Amino acid sequence: MKPVTLYGTGVCPYCDMAERLLARKGVTPDKIRVDLEPEQREHMMRITGRRTVPQIFIGELHVGGYDDLSALDRAGKLDALLAD
């Protein structure tokens, strides 16, 4: 499986839902807590153009937030993105 990076915060229901969806796929994302590391929030905003969390990367591909991740799953495209 490709590595998954999730930019999130400690109190974020959408981050939790994204982690649960990924767990069902057998994936544990590398979680970067932007509430604990403000420089990581700045980095996240630079590379995604977005301010909200979660922001999720599969490998080098920015897939967006939880709604985007869930839409990929419903469309049957998430498994292919996660595969090596």
PDB file of N, CA and C in Angstrom:
ATOM      1  N   MET A   1       0.836  -1.189   0.000  1.00  0.00           N
ATOM      2  CA  MET A   1       0.000   0.000   0.000  1.00  0.00           C
ATOM      3  C   MET A   1       0.879   1.251   0.000  1.00  0.00           C
ATOM      4  N   LYS A   2       0.339   2.275  -0.625  1.00  0.00           N
ATOM      5  CA  LYS A   2       1.039   3.558  -0.627  1.00  0.00           C
ATOM      6  C   LYS A   2       0.937   4.187   0.750  1.00  0.00           C
ATOM      7  N   PRO A   3       1.922   4.990   1.120  1.00  0.00           N
ATOM      8  CA  PRO A   3       1.823   5.699   2.399  1.00  0.00           C
ATOM      9  C   PRO A   3       0.736   6.768   2.327  1.00  0.00           C
ATOM     10  N   VAL A   4       0.051   6.955   3.450  1.00  0.00           N
ATOM     11  CA  VAL A   4      -1.010   7.962   3.541  1.00  0.00           C
ATOM     12  C   VAL A   4      -0.629   8.942   4.637  1.00  0.00           C
ATOM     13  N   THR A   5      -0.728  10.219   4.323  1.00  0.00           N
ATOM     14  CA  THR A   5      -0.448  11.283   5.283  1.00  0.00           C
ATOM     15  C   THR A   5      -1.739  12.057   5.511  1.00  0.00           C
ATOM     16  N   LEU A   6      -2.055  12.287   6.769  1.00  0.00           N
ATOM     17  CA  LEU A   6      -3.262  13.015   7.136  1.00  0.00           C
ATOM     18  C   LEU A   6      -2.855  14.193   8.012  1.00  0.00           C
ATOM     19  N   TYR A   7      -3.100  15.393   7.526  1.00  0.00           N
ATOM     20  CA  TYR A   7      -2.912  16.602   8.329  1.00  0.00           C
ATOM     21  C   TYR A   7      -4.207  16.817   9.089  1.00  0.00           C
ATOM     22  N   GLY A   8      -4.128  16.899  10.408  1.00  0.00           N
ATOM     23  CA  GLY A   8      -5.334  17.042  11.200  1.00  0.00           C
ATOM     24  C   GLY A   8      -5.071  17.693  12.542  1.00  0.00           C
ATOM     25  N   THR A   9      -6.103  17.683  13.372  1.00  0.00           N
ATOM     26  CA  THR A   9      -6.012  18.212  14.732  1.00  0.00           C
ATOM     27  C   THR A   9      -6.522  17.157  15.696  1.00  0.00           C
ATOM     28  N   GLY A  10      -6.298  17.399  16.980  1.00  0.00           N
ATOM     29  CA  GLY A  10      -6.721  16.448  17.999  1.00  0.00           C
ATOM     30  C   GLY A  10      -8.226  16.370  18.170  1.00  0.00           C
ATOM     31  N   VAL A  11      -8.919  17.471  17.931  1.00  0.00           N
ATOM     32  CA  VAL A  11     -10.374  17.502  18.089  1.00  0.00           C
ATOM     33  C   VAL A  11     -10.973  17.846  16.728  1.00  0.00           C
ATOM     34  N   CYS A  12     -11.193  16.806  15.930  1.00  0.00           N
ATOM     35  CA  CYS A  12     -11.686  17.010  14.569  1.00  0.00           C
ATOM     36  C   CYS A  12     -12.491  15.778  14.168  1.00  0.00           C
ATOM     37  N   PRO A  13     -13.816  15.885  14.167  1.00  0.00           N
ATOM     38  CA  PRO A  13     -14.614  14.709  13.824  1.00  0.00           C
ATOM     39  C   PRO A  13     -14.367  14.203  12.403  1.00  0.00           C
ATOM     40  N   TYR A  14     -14.083  15.103  11.467  1.00  0.00           N
ATOM     41  CA  TYR A  14     -13.818  14.665  10.099  1.00  0.00           C
ATOM     42  C   TYR A  14     -12.478  13.934  10.000  1.00  0.00           C
ATOM     43  N   CYS A  15     -11.510  14.362  10.812  1.00  0.00           N
ATOM     44  CA  CYS A  15     -10.231  13.639  10.873  1.00  0.00           C
ATOM     45  C   CYS A  15     -10.470  12.225  11.396  1.00  0.00           C
ATOM     46  N   ASP A  16     -11.274  12.119  12.450  1.00  0.00           N
ATOM     47  CA  ASP A  16     -11.589  10.802  13.024  1.00  0.00           C
ATOM     48  C   ASP A  16     -12.305   9.913  12.011  1.00  0.00           C
ATOM     49  N   MET A  17     -13.247  10.487  11.266  1.00  0.00           N
ATOM     50  CA  MET A  17     -13.974   9.697  10.268  1.00  0.00           C
ATOM     51  C   MET A  17     -13.037   9.241   9.147  1.00  0.00           C
ATOM     52  N   ALA A  18     -12.115  10.106   8.748  1.00  0.00           N
ATOM     53  CA  ALA A  18     -11.152   9.735   7.714  1.00  0.00           C
ATOM     54  C   ALA A  18     -10.256   8.602   8.213  1.00  0.00           C
ATOM     55  N   GLU A  19      -9.810   8.697   9.460  1.00  0.00           N
ATOM     56  CA  GLU A  19      -8.976   7.631  10.017  1.00  0.00           C
ATOM     57  C   GLU A  19      -9.739   6.312  10.098  1.00  0.00           C
ATOM     58  N   ARG A  20     -11.010   6.361  10.460  1.00  0.00           N
ATOM     59  CA  ARG A  20     -11.815   5.129  10.520  1.00  0.00           C
ATOM     60  C   ARG A  20     -12.012   4.526   9.131  1.00  0.00           C
ATOM     61  N   LEU A  21     -12.283   5.367   8.129  1.00  0.00           N
ATOM     62  CA  LEU A  21     -12.437   4.859   6.768  1.00  0.00           C
ATOM     63  C   LEU A  21     -11.137   4.191   6.313  1.00  0.00           C
ATOM     64  N   LEU A  22     -10.014   4.855   6.562  1.00  0.00           N
ATOM     65  CA  LEU A  22      -8.719   4.286   6.170  1.00  0.00           C
ATOM     66  C   LEU A  22      -8.428   2.998   6.935  1.00  0.00           C
ATOM     67  N   ALA A  23      -8.789   2.952   8.209  1.00  0.00           N
ATOM     68  CA  ALA A  23      -8.576   1.738   9.007  1.00  0.00           C
ATOM     69  C   ALA A  23      -9.346   0.562   8.414  1.00  0.00           C
ATOM     70  N   ARG A  24     -10.556   0.811   7.925  1.00  0.00           N
ATOM     71  CA  ARG A  24     -11.335  -0.260   7.275  1.00  0.00           C
ATOM     72  C   ARG A  24     -10.625  -0.783   6.035  1.00  0.00           C
ATOM     73  N   LYS A  25      -9.775   0.051   5.450  1.00  0.00           N
ATOM     74  CA  LYS A  25      -8.993  -0.346   4.277  1.00  0.00           C
ATOM     75  C   LYS A  25      -7.651  -0.945   4.673  1.00  0.00           C
ATOM     76  N   GLY A  26      -7.396  -1.034   5.982  1.00  0.00           N
ATOM     77  CA  GLY A  26      -6.130  -1.587   6.461  1.00  0.00           C
ATOM     78  C   GLY A  26      -4.984  -0.596   6.461  1.00  0.00           C
ATOM     79  N   VAL A  27      -5.311   0.683   6.470  1.00  0.00           N
ATOM     80  CA  VAL A  27      -4.300   1.737   6.391  1.00  0.00           C
ATOM     81  C   VAL A  27      -4.269   2.541   7.684  1.00  0.00           C
ATOM     82  N   THR A  28      -3.070   2.741   8.204  1.00  0.00           N
ATOM     83  CA  THR A  28      -2.862   3.651   9.324  1.00  0.00           C
ATOM     84  C   THR A  28      -2.088   4.845   8.784  1.00  0.00           C
ATOM     85  N   PRO A  29      -2.723   6.006   8.701  1.00  0.00           N
ATOM     86  CA  PRO A  29      -2.027   7.162   8.123  1.00  0.00           C
ATOM     87  C   PRO A  29      -0.978   7.730   9.066  1.00  0.00           C
ATOM     88  N   ASP A  30      -0.001   8.376   8.470  1.00  0.00           N
ATOM     89  CA  ASP A  30       0.946   9.176   9.229  1.00  0.00           C
ATOM     90  C   ASP A  30       0.217  10.476   9.529  1.00  0.00           C
ATOM     91  N   LYS A  31      -0.151  10.696  10.800  1.00  0.00           N
ATOM     92  CA  LYS A  31      -0.949  11.869  11.167  1.00  0.00           C
ATOM     93  C   LYS A  31      -0.038  12.994  11.627  1.00  0.00           C
ATOM     94  N   ILE A  32      -0.196  14.131  10.997  1.00  0.00           N
ATOM     95  CA  ILE A  32       0.553  15.334  11.357  1.00  0.00           C
ATOM     96  C   ILE A  32      -0.426  16.270  12.041  1.00  0.00           C
ATOM     97  N   ARG A  33      -0.160  16.547  13.309  1.00  0.00           N
ATOM     98  CA  ARG A  33      -1.059  17.378  14.122  1.00  0.00           C
ATOM     99  C   ARG A  33      -0.719  18.857  13.935  1.00  0.00           C
ATOM    100  N   VAL A  34      -1.510  19.536  13.138  1.00  0.00           N
ATOM    101  CA  VAL A  34      -1.244  20.945  12.870  1.00  0.00           C
ATOM    102  C   VAL A  34      -1.619  21.845  14.044  1.00  0.00           C
ATOM    103  N   ASP A  35      -2.393  21.318  14.998  1.00  0.00           N
ATOM    104  CA  ASP A  35      -2.698  22.108  16.191  1.00  0.00           C
ATOM    105  C   ASP A  35      -1.512  22.124  17.152  1.00  0.00           C
ATOM    106  N   LEU A  36      -0.663  21.138  17.071  1.00  0.00           N
ATOM    107  CA  LEU A  36       0.515  21.078  17.940  1.00  0.00           C
ATOM    108  C   LEU A  36       1.765  21.649  17.273  1.00  0.00           C
ATOM    109  N   GLU A  37       1.744  21.716  15.945  1.00  0.00           N
ATOM    110  CA  GLU A  37       2.901  22.200  15.190  1.00  0.00           C
ATOM    111  C   GLU A  37       2.436  23.251  14.175  1.00  0.00           C
ATOM    112  N   PRO A  38       2.388  24.518  14.598  1.00  0.00           N
ATOM    113  CA  PRO A  38       1.879  25.576  13.712  1.00  0.00           C
ATOM    114  C   PRO A  38       2.633  25.660  12.378  1.00  0.00           C
ATOM    115  N   GLU A  39       3.915  25.343  12.382  1.00  0.00           N
ATOM    116  CA  GLU A  39       4.674  25.386  11.126  1.00  0.00           C
ATOM    117  C   GLU A  39       4.161  24.330  10.142  1.00  0.00           C
ATOM    118  N   GLN A  40       3.623  23.240  10.665  1.00  0.00           N
ATOM    119  CA  GLN A  40       3.040  22.217   9.792  1.00  0.00           C
ATOM    120  C   GLN A  40       1.730  22.703   9.176  1.00  0.00           C
ATOM    121  N   ARG A  41       0.964  23.507   9.920  1.00  0.00           N
ATOM    122  CA  ARG A  41      -0.255  24.095   9.344  1.00  0.00           C
ATOM    123  C   ARG A  41       0.116  25.007   8.181  1.00  0.00           C
ATOM    124  N   GLU A  42       1.137  25.815   8.353  1.00  0.00           N
ATOM    125  CA  GLU A  42       1.588  26.702   7.273  1.00  0.00           C
ATOM    126  C   GLU A  42       2.030  25.882   6.064  1.00  0.00           C
ATOM    127  N   HIS A  43       2.766  24.808   6.311  1.00  0.00           N
ATOM    128  CA  HIS A  43       3.215  23.926   5.237  1.00  0.00           C
ATOM    129  C   HIS A  43       2.005  23.312   4.526  1.00  0.00           C
ATOM    130  N   MET A  44       1.041  22.802   5.295  1.00  0.00           N
ATOM    131  CA  MET A  44      -0.167  22.204   4.729  1.00  0.00           C
ATOM    132  C   MET A  44      -0.895  23.203   3.837  1.00  0.00           C
ATOM    133  N   MET A  45      -1.033  24.436   4.298  1.00  0.00           N
ATOM    134  CA  MET A  45      -1.744  25.452   3.529  1.00  0.00           C
ATOM    135  C   MET A  45      -0.995  25.783   2.236  1.00  0.00           C
ATOM    136  N   ARG A  46       0.335  25.797   2.305  1.00  0.00           N
ATOM    137  CA  ARG A  46       1.139  26.069   1.107  1.00  0.00           C
ATOM    138  C   ARG A  46       0.970  24.968   0.059  1.00  0.00           C
ATOM    139  N   ILE A  47       1.008  23.714   0.488  1.00  0.00           N
ATOM    140  CA  ILE A  47       1.006  22.616  -0.490  1.00  0.00           C
ATOM    141  C   ILE A  47      -0.394  22.217  -0.959  1.00  0.00           C
ATOM    142  N   THR A  48      -1.429  22.607  -0.197  1.00  0.00           N
ATOM    143  CA  THR A  48      -2.794  22.230  -0.591  1.00  0.00           C
ATOM    144  C   THR A  48      -3.636  23.415  -1.043  1.00  0.00           C
ATOM    145  N   GLY A  49      -3.274  24.616  -0.599  1.00  0.00           N
ATOM    146  CA  GLY A  49      -4.107  25.777  -0.873  1.00  0.00           C
ATOM    147  C   GLY A  49      -5.369  25.803  -0.023  1.00  0.00           C
ATOM    148  N   ARG A  50      -5.430  24.935   1.000  1.00  0.00           N
ATOM    149  CA  ARG A  50      -6.602  24.836   1.876  1.00  0.00           C
ATOM    150  C   ARG A  50      -6.205  25.063   3.322  1.00  0.00           C
ATOM    151  N   ARG A  51      -7.172  25.543   4.106  1.00  0.00           N
ATOM    152  CA  ARG A  51      -6.938  25.829   5.523  1.00  0.00           C
ATOM    153  C   ARG A  51      -7.567  24.796   6.449  1.00  0.00           C
ATOM    154  N   THR A  52      -8.525  24.029   5.941  1.00  0.00           N
ATOM    155  CA  THR A  52      -9.291  23.119   6.787  1.00  0.00           C
ATOM    156  C   THR A  52      -8.606  21.754   6.907  1.00  0.00           C
ATOM    157  N   VAL A  53      -8.973  21.044   7.970  1.00  0.00           N
ATOM    158  CA  VAL A  53      -8.481  19.685   8.170  1.00  0.00           C
ATOM    159  C   VAL A  53      -9.674  18.741   8.169  1.00  0.00           C
ATOM    160  N   PRO A  54      -9.458  17.499   7.798  1.00  0.00           N
ATOM    161  CA  PRO A  54      -8.174  16.934   7.410  1.00  0.00           C
ATOM    162  C   PRO A  54      -7.821  17.277   5.964  1.00  0.00           C
ATOM    163  N   GLN A  55      -6.537  17.194   5.683  1.00  0.00           N
ATOM    164  CA  GLN A  55      -6.028  17.211   4.318  1.00  0.00           C
ATOM    165  C   GLN A  55      -5.251  15.906   4.171  1.00  0.00           C
ATOM    166  N   ILE A  56      -5.584  15.140   3.154  1.00  0.00           N
ATOM    167  CA  ILE A  56      -5.100  13.771   3.036  1.00  0.00           C
ATOM    168  C   ILE A  56      -4.307  13.609   1.743  1.00  0.00           C
ATOM    169  N   PHE A  57      -3.161  12.947   1.880  1.00  0.00           N
ATOM    170  CA  PHE A  57      -2.323  12.600   0.744  1.00  0.00           C
ATOM    171  C   PHE A  57      -2.201  11.094   0.679  1.00  0.00           C
ATOM    172  N   ILE A  58      -2.326  10.549  -0.514  1.00  0.00           N
ATOM    173  CA  ILE A  58      -2.024   9.141  -0.761  1.00  0.00           C
ATOM    174  C   ILE A  58      -0.778   9.160  -1.636  1.00  0.00           C
ATOM    175  N   GLY A  59       0.322   8.712  -1.069  1.00  0.00           N
ATOM    176  CA  GLY A  59       1.593   8.905  -1.754  1.00  0.00           C
ATOM    177  C   GLY A  59       1.810  10.403  -1.891  1.00  0.00           C
ATOM    178  N   GLU A  60       2.072  10.849  -3.095  1.00  0.00           N
ATOM    179  CA  GLU A  60       2.273  12.280  -3.360  1.00  0.00           C
ATOM    180  C   GLU A  60       0.987  12.976  -3.806  1.00  0.00           C
ATOM    181  N   LEU A  61      -0.092  12.209  -3.990  1.00  0.00           N
ATOM    182  CA  LEU A  61      -1.339  12.752  -4.504  1.00  0.00           C
ATOM    183  C   LEU A  61      -2.199  13.342  -3.389  1.00  0.00           C
ATOM    184  N   HIS A  62      -2.531  14.617  -3.508  1.00  0.00           N
ATOM    185  CA  HIS A  62      -3.430  15.268  -2.558  1.00  0.00           C
ATOM    186  C   HIS A  62      -4.850  14.916  -2.964  1.00  0.00           C
ATOM    187  N   VAL A  63      -5.556  14.168  -2.099  1.00  0.00           N
ATOM    188  CA  VAL A  63      -6.927  13.775  -2.433  1.00  0.00           C
ATOM    189  C   VAL A  63      -7.959  14.713  -1.829  1.00  0.00           C
ATOM    190  N   GLY A  64      -7.547  15.578  -0.904  1.00  0.00           N
ATOM    191  CA  GLY A  64      -8.468  16.534  -0.305  1.00  0.00           C
ATOM    192  C   GLY A  64      -8.805  16.164   1.123  1.00  0.00           C
ATOM    193  N   GLY A  65     -10.048  16.466   1.514  1.00  0.00           N
ATOM    194  CA  GLY A  65     -10.495  16.221   2.876  1.00  0.00           C
ATOM    195  C   GLY A  65     -11.314  14.946   2.988  1.00  0.00           C
ATOM    196  N   TYR A  66     -12.017  14.813   4.109  1.00  0.00           N
ATOM    197  CA  TYR A  66     -12.798  13.603   4.344  1.00  0.00           C
ATOM    198  C   TYR A  66     -13.870  13.401   3.267  1.00  0.00           C
ATOM    199  N   ASP A  67     -14.594  14.455   2.902  1.00  0.00           N
ATOM    200  CA  ASP A  67     -15.647  14.313   1.902  1.00  0.00           C
ATOM    201  C   ASP A  67     -15.081  13.787   0.583  1.00  0.00           C
ATOM    202  N   ASP A  68     -13.902  14.274   0.210  1.00  0.00           N
ATOM    203  CA  ASP A  68     -13.257  13.820  -1.025  1.00  0.00           C
ATOM    204  C   ASP A  68     -12.839  12.351  -0.915  1.00  0.00           C
ATOM    205  N   LEU A  69     -12.276  11.992   0.237  1.00  0.00           N
ATOM    206  CA  LEU A  69     -11.855  10.609   0.474  1.00  0.00           C
ATOM    207  C   LEU A  69     -13.054   9.672   0.427  1.00  0.00           C
ATOM    208  N   SER A  70     -14.123  10.061   1.079  1.00  0.00           N
ATOM    209  CA  SER A  70     -15.331   9.256   1.104  1.00  0.00           C
ATOM    210  C   SER A  70     -15.935   9.119  -0.294  1.00  0.00           C
ATOM    211  N   ALA A  71     -15.907  10.187  -1.073  1.00  0.00           N
ATOM    212  CA  ALA A  71     -16.436  10.141  -2.439  1.00  0.00           C
ATOM    213  C   ALA A  71     -15.620   9.180  -3.299  1.00  0.00           C
ATOM    214  N   LEU A  72     -14.298   9.185  -3.121  1.00  0.00           N
ATOM    215  CA  LEU A  72     -13.456   8.232  -3.851  1.00  0.00           C
ATOM    216  C   LEU A  72     -13.827   6.803  -3.489  1.00  0.00           C
ATOM    217  N   ASP A  73     -14.085   6.566  -2.208  1.00  0.00           N
ATOM    218  CA  ASP A  73     -14.454   5.224  -1.763  1.00  0.00           C
ATOM    219  C   ASP A  73     -15.795   4.810  -2.359  1.00  0.00           C
ATOM    220  N   ARG A  74     -16.789   5.691  -2.297  1.00  0.00           N
ATOM    221  CA  ARG A  74     -18.116   5.379  -2.844  1.00  0.00           C
ATOM    222  C   ARG A  74     -18.061   5.126  -4.359  1.00  0.00           C
ATOM    223  N   ALA A  75     -17.140   5.822  -5.044  1.00  0.00           N
ATOM    224  CA  ALA A  75     -17.002   5.653  -6.493  1.00  0.00           C
ATOM    225  C   ALA A  75     -16.172   4.419  -6.849  1.00  0.00           C
ATOM    226  N   GLY A  76     -15.650   3.725  -5.836  1.00  0.00           N
ATOM    227  CA  GLY A  76     -14.850   2.532  -6.096  1.00  0.00           C
ATOM    228  C   GLY A  76     -13.436   2.827  -6.551  1.00  0.00           C
ATOM    229  N   LYS A  77     -12.941   4.025  -6.308  1.00  0.00           N
ATOM    230  CA  LYS A  77     -11.612   4.428  -6.786  1.00  0.00           C
ATOM    231  C   LYS A  77     -10.540   4.436  -5.689  1.00  0.00           C
ATOM    232  N   LEU A  78     -10.945   4.384  -4.439  1.00  0.00           N
ATOM    233  CA  LEU A  78      -9.984   4.513  -3.347  1.00  0.00           C
ATOM    234  C   LEU A  78      -9.023   3.325  -3.272  1.00  0.00           C
ATOM    235  N   ASP A  79      -9.540   2.110  -3.418  1.00  0.00           N
ATOM    236  CA  ASP A  79      -8.671   0.939  -3.317  1.00  0.00           C
ATOM    237  C   ASP A  79      -7.542   0.983  -4.334  1.00  0.00           C
ATOM    238  N   ALA A  80      -7.828   1.400  -5.554  1.00  0.00           N
ATOM    239  CA  ALA A  80      -6.801   1.478  -6.590  1.00  0.00           C
ATOM    240  C   ALA A  80      -5.751   2.539  -6.237  1.00  0.00           C
ATOM    241  N   LEU A  81      -6.188   3.643  -5.653  1.00  0.00           N
ATOM    242  CA  LEU A  81      -5.229   4.689  -5.271  1.00  0.00           C
ATOM    243  C   LEU A  81      -4.314   4.212  -4.146  1.00  0.00           C
ATOM    244  N   LEU A  82      -4.865   3.408  -3.238  1.00  0.00           N
ATOM    245  CA  LEU A  82      -4.072   2.930  -2.103  1.00  0.00           C
ATOM    246  C   LEU A  82      -3.087   1.827  -2.495  1.00  0.00           C
ATOM    247  N   ALA A  83      -3.410   1.076  -3.540  1.00  0.00           N
ATOM    248  CA  ALA A  83      -2.555  -0.041  -3.957  1.00  0.00           C
ATOM    249  C   ALA A  83      -1.240   0.472  -4.508  1.00  0.00           C
ATOM    250  N   ASP A  84      -0.193  -0.324  -4.333  1.00  0.00           N
ATOM    251  CA  ASP A  84       1.116   0.019  -4.891  1.00  0.00           C
ATOM    252  C   ASP A  84       1.128  -0.085  -6.391  1.00  0.00           C
TER     253      ASP A  84
END
